[in-house]
Protein backbone atom coordinates (compact mmCIF):
# COMPACT_ATOMS: atom_id res chain seq x y z
CA MET A 1 5.99 3.76 16.31
CA ALA A 2 4.12 5.91 18.87
CA LEU A 3 0.93 5.98 20.27
CA HIS A 4 -1.48 8.31 18.12
CA ASN A 5 -4.50 10.10 19.40
CA SER A 6 -5.85 10.73 15.54
CA ILE A 7 -5.70 8.99 12.83
CA LYS A 8 -4.05 11.33 10.28
CA ASP A 9 -0.81 11.34 12.86
CA LEU A 10 -0.94 7.83 12.47
CA ASN A 11 -1.71 7.90 8.62
CA HIS A 12 1.59 10.18 8.12
CA GLU A 13 3.68 8.08 10.38
CA ILE A 14 2.71 4.59 8.69
CA ILE A 15 3.19 6.20 5.26
CA GLU A 16 6.80 7.81 6.26
CA GLU A 17 7.47 4.24 7.63
CA TYR A 18 6.73 2.65 4.33
CA LEU A 19 8.43 5.31 2.26
CA ALA A 20 11.63 4.51 4.44
CA THR A 21 11.11 1.12 4.25
CA VAL A 22 10.73 0.95 0.30
CA GLU A 23 14.32 2.88 0.15
CA ILE A 24 16.03 0.34 1.88
CA CYS A 25 14.35 -2.43 -0.03
CA LEU A 26 15.32 -0.31 -3.47
CA ALA A 27 18.88 -0.14 -1.88
CA HIS A 28 19.26 -3.49 -0.99
CA THR A 29 21.33 -6.00 -3.54
CA LYS A 30 20.28 -9.35 -3.43
CA ASP A 31 22.94 -12.14 -4.31
CA ASP A 32 21.57 -12.15 -8.20
CA GLY A 33 21.80 -8.24 -8.14
CA GLY A 34 18.06 -7.83 -8.04
CA ILE A 35 16.43 -5.54 -5.33
CA LEU A 36 13.92 -6.24 -2.57
CA GLY A 37 11.12 -5.70 -5.26
CA TYR A 38 8.35 -7.48 -3.95
CA SER A 39 8.27 -6.03 -0.44
CA ALA A 40 9.02 -2.51 -2.07
CA THR A 41 6.11 -2.93 -4.66
CA LEU A 42 3.51 -3.93 -2.23
CA LEU A 43 4.46 -1.03 0.53
CA LEU A 44 3.84 1.45 -2.44
CA LEU A 45 0.65 -0.29 -3.76
CA CYS A 46 -0.59 -0.01 0.59
CA ILE A 47 0.66 4.21 -0.31
CA THR A 48 -0.97 4.46 -2.86
CA ASP A 49 -4.55 2.96 -1.63
CA ALA A 50 -4.12 4.95 0.97
CA ILE A 51 -3.79 8.27 -0.75
CA GLY A 52 -6.73 7.33 -2.80
CA HIS A 53 -8.73 6.67 0.48
CA GLY A 54 -7.76 10.45 1.56
CA LEU A 55 -8.81 11.45 -1.63
CA LEU A 56 -11.23 9.84 -3.64
CA GLU A 57 -14.91 10.38 -2.50
CA LYS A 58 -16.73 7.23 -3.85
CA GLY A 59 -15.59 3.41 -2.30
CA GLY A 60 -14.32 0.34 -2.95
CA ALA A 61 -11.61 -2.16 -1.48
CA THR A 62 -8.69 -0.45 -2.61
CA ARG A 63 -8.88 2.82 -4.13
CA LEU A 64 -5.92 2.77 -6.89
CA GLU A 65 -8.24 4.73 -9.50
CA VAL A 66 -6.37 7.64 -7.30
CA LEU A 67 -3.07 7.13 -10.24
CA LYS A 68 -5.41 8.38 -12.57
CA ASP A 69 -5.62 11.67 -10.88
CA PRO A 70 -3.21 14.31 -9.70
CA PRO A 71 -0.84 14.66 -8.02
CA PHE A 72 -0.33 11.02 -9.77
CA SER A 73 -1.61 11.76 -13.43
CA ILE A 74 -0.18 8.24 -14.85
CA ASN A 75 -2.05 7.24 -18.21
CA LEU A 76 -4.20 4.44 -17.17
CA THR A 77 -7.35 2.78 -18.30
CA ASP A 78 -10.04 1.62 -16.16
CA LYS A 79 -9.63 -1.77 -17.13
CA GLN A 80 -5.70 -1.42 -16.37
CA ILE A 81 -6.53 -0.09 -12.87
CA ASN A 82 -8.71 -3.06 -12.26
CA ASN A 83 -5.88 -5.06 -13.23
CA LEU A 84 -3.69 -3.47 -10.81
CA LYS A 85 -6.38 -4.16 -8.27
CA ASP A 86 -6.87 -7.89 -8.94
CA TRP A 87 -3.10 -8.55 -8.62
CA PHE A 88 -2.21 -6.14 -6.06
CA ARG A 89 -5.31 -7.32 -3.89
CA ASN A 90 -5.20 -11.09 -4.44
CA LYS A 91 -1.71 -12.09 -5.13
CA LEU A 92 1.20 -9.96 -4.31
CA ALA A 93 -0.35 -8.84 -0.71
CA HIS A 94 -2.48 -12.05 0.38
CA SER A 95 -0.63 -15.01 -1.38
CA ALA A 96 2.91 -13.56 -1.05
CA ALA A 97 2.47 -14.51 -5.00
CA LEU A 98 2.85 -12.44 -8.61
CA CYS A 99 1.00 -13.11 -11.21
CA PRO A 100 2.35 -15.04 -14.21
CA GLY A 101 4.40 -13.00 -16.56
CA VAL A 102 4.68 -9.79 -14.23
CA HIS A 103 7.96 -8.73 -14.08
CA LEU A 104 9.62 -6.45 -11.41
CA HIS A 105 12.35 -4.51 -12.43
CA PRO A 106 14.68 -2.42 -10.85
CA ASP A 107 15.14 0.42 -14.18
CA THR A 108 14.77 4.39 -12.94
CA GLY A 109 13.45 5.14 -16.40
CA GLY A 110 10.27 4.55 -18.20
CA LEU A 111 6.94 4.42 -16.71
CA PRO A 112 6.22 2.54 -13.83
CA PHE A 113 3.63 0.25 -15.19
CA ASP A 114 4.41 -1.86 -18.52
CA PHE A 115 1.44 -3.22 -19.76
CA GLU A 116 0.54 -4.81 -23.19
CA GLY A 117 -2.88 -3.80 -24.12
CA GLU A 118 -5.10 -4.08 -20.30
CA LYS A 119 -2.74 -6.72 -18.82
CA LEU A 120 -0.06 -5.82 -16.26
CA VAL A 121 3.89 -7.55 -17.06
CA GLY A 122 5.89 -5.40 -15.71
CA ILE A 123 6.41 -2.61 -12.76
CA ARG A 124 9.39 -0.36 -12.88
CA VAL A 125 9.81 -0.24 -8.86
CA PRO A 126 12.43 2.57 -8.17
CA VAL A 127 10.35 4.85 -11.20
CA PHE A 128 7.00 3.39 -9.14
CA HIS A 129 8.47 4.65 -5.99
CA GLY A 130 9.31 8.33 -7.61
CA VAL A 131 5.98 8.68 -8.66
CA VAL A 132 4.61 7.83 -5.15
CA GLU A 133 6.91 9.85 -3.24
CA LYS A 134 6.14 12.87 -5.58
CA ALA A 135 2.42 12.31 -4.62
CA TRP A 136 2.66 11.74 -0.90
CA ARG A 137 5.31 15.14 -0.62
CA GLU A 138 2.79 17.31 -3.24
CA LEU A 139 -0.42 16.14 -0.83
CA GLY A 140 2.57 17.99 2.05
CA GLY A 141 2.44 14.33 4.00
CA ASP A 142 -1.44 14.89 4.63
CA LEU A 143 -3.93 12.41 3.57
CA PRO A 144 -7.04 15.07 3.22
CA ARG A 145 -9.59 13.10 4.36
CA ALA A 146 -9.11 10.15 7.34
CA PRO A 147 -11.60 7.70 8.48
CA ALA A 148 -12.80 8.56 12.26
CA MET A 149 -11.07 7.20 14.68
CA PRO A 150 -12.47 5.94 17.85
CA PRO A 151 -11.36 8.09 21.07
CA PRO A 152 -8.75 5.59 23.22
CA GLN A 153 -10.95 5.07 25.88
CA ALA A 154 -12.89 2.79 23.35
CA TRP A 155 -9.79 0.79 22.00
CA PRO A 156 -9.84 -2.99 23.58
CA GLU A 157 -7.70 -2.97 26.45
CA ARG A 158 -4.23 -5.13 25.85
CA GLY A 159 -5.25 -9.35 26.74
CA ALA A 160 -9.09 -8.50 26.39
CA LYS A 161 -10.65 -11.24 24.34
CA ARG A 162 -12.99 -9.39 21.26
CA GLN A 163 -14.64 -11.47 18.37
CA SER A 164 -12.40 -11.83 15.14
CA THR A 165 -13.28 -9.74 12.33
CA MET A 166 -11.21 -11.79 10.01
CA THR A 167 -12.39 -14.11 7.40
CA PRO A 168 -14.98 -16.44 8.28
CA ALA A 169 -12.29 -19.23 8.04
CA SER A 170 -10.36 -17.71 10.97
CA SER A 171 -13.15 -16.07 13.14
CA GLY A 172 -13.67 -17.05 16.56
CA VAL A 173 -12.22 -15.45 19.88
CA VAL A 174 -8.84 -14.11 20.04
CA THR A 175 -6.79 -12.38 22.61
CA LEU A 176 -4.31 -9.26 21.89
CA PRO A 177 -1.42 -9.53 23.61
CA ASP A 178 0.30 -7.52 25.59
CA HIS A 179 3.28 -5.67 23.98
CA ASP A 180 6.09 -8.12 26.44
CA GLU A 181 4.32 -11.25 24.98
């Protein structure tokens, strides 16, 4: 990972690293014969969210609605999208847990998501990877819109104390460590 003066270059490198990591997760075979599905799925949802941020005009904590539009074009309802958001934001990403009844599959055929009505019941991780990678490549490895990045002179100095922007329970003064700490 290199320092970047543009958020666009940073976005590109991060997404490429995520995709490379997903490929490692899918290639790894656990003792039970499974893949590293949780890690791969989390990264794929992060990539999808980032692509949504670059494509969608509307705000929101996540932008998984992009799954319904090109370049993804997965036929999902708004309620199914909300199901994915709730599962992604609150369970896998922040609690290291998967919703009860949701299974990750190493299957390489079919649709990426299995729903029973509006309830998510399964994700075919390799299929989801294929959809996300294809969408990223169709975009030319570029997000059309990216948030403004402050100029380097506005970045905090290493070791500087600053107010945390984390949750109220964890807020306070934090120290940004030097790279060798």
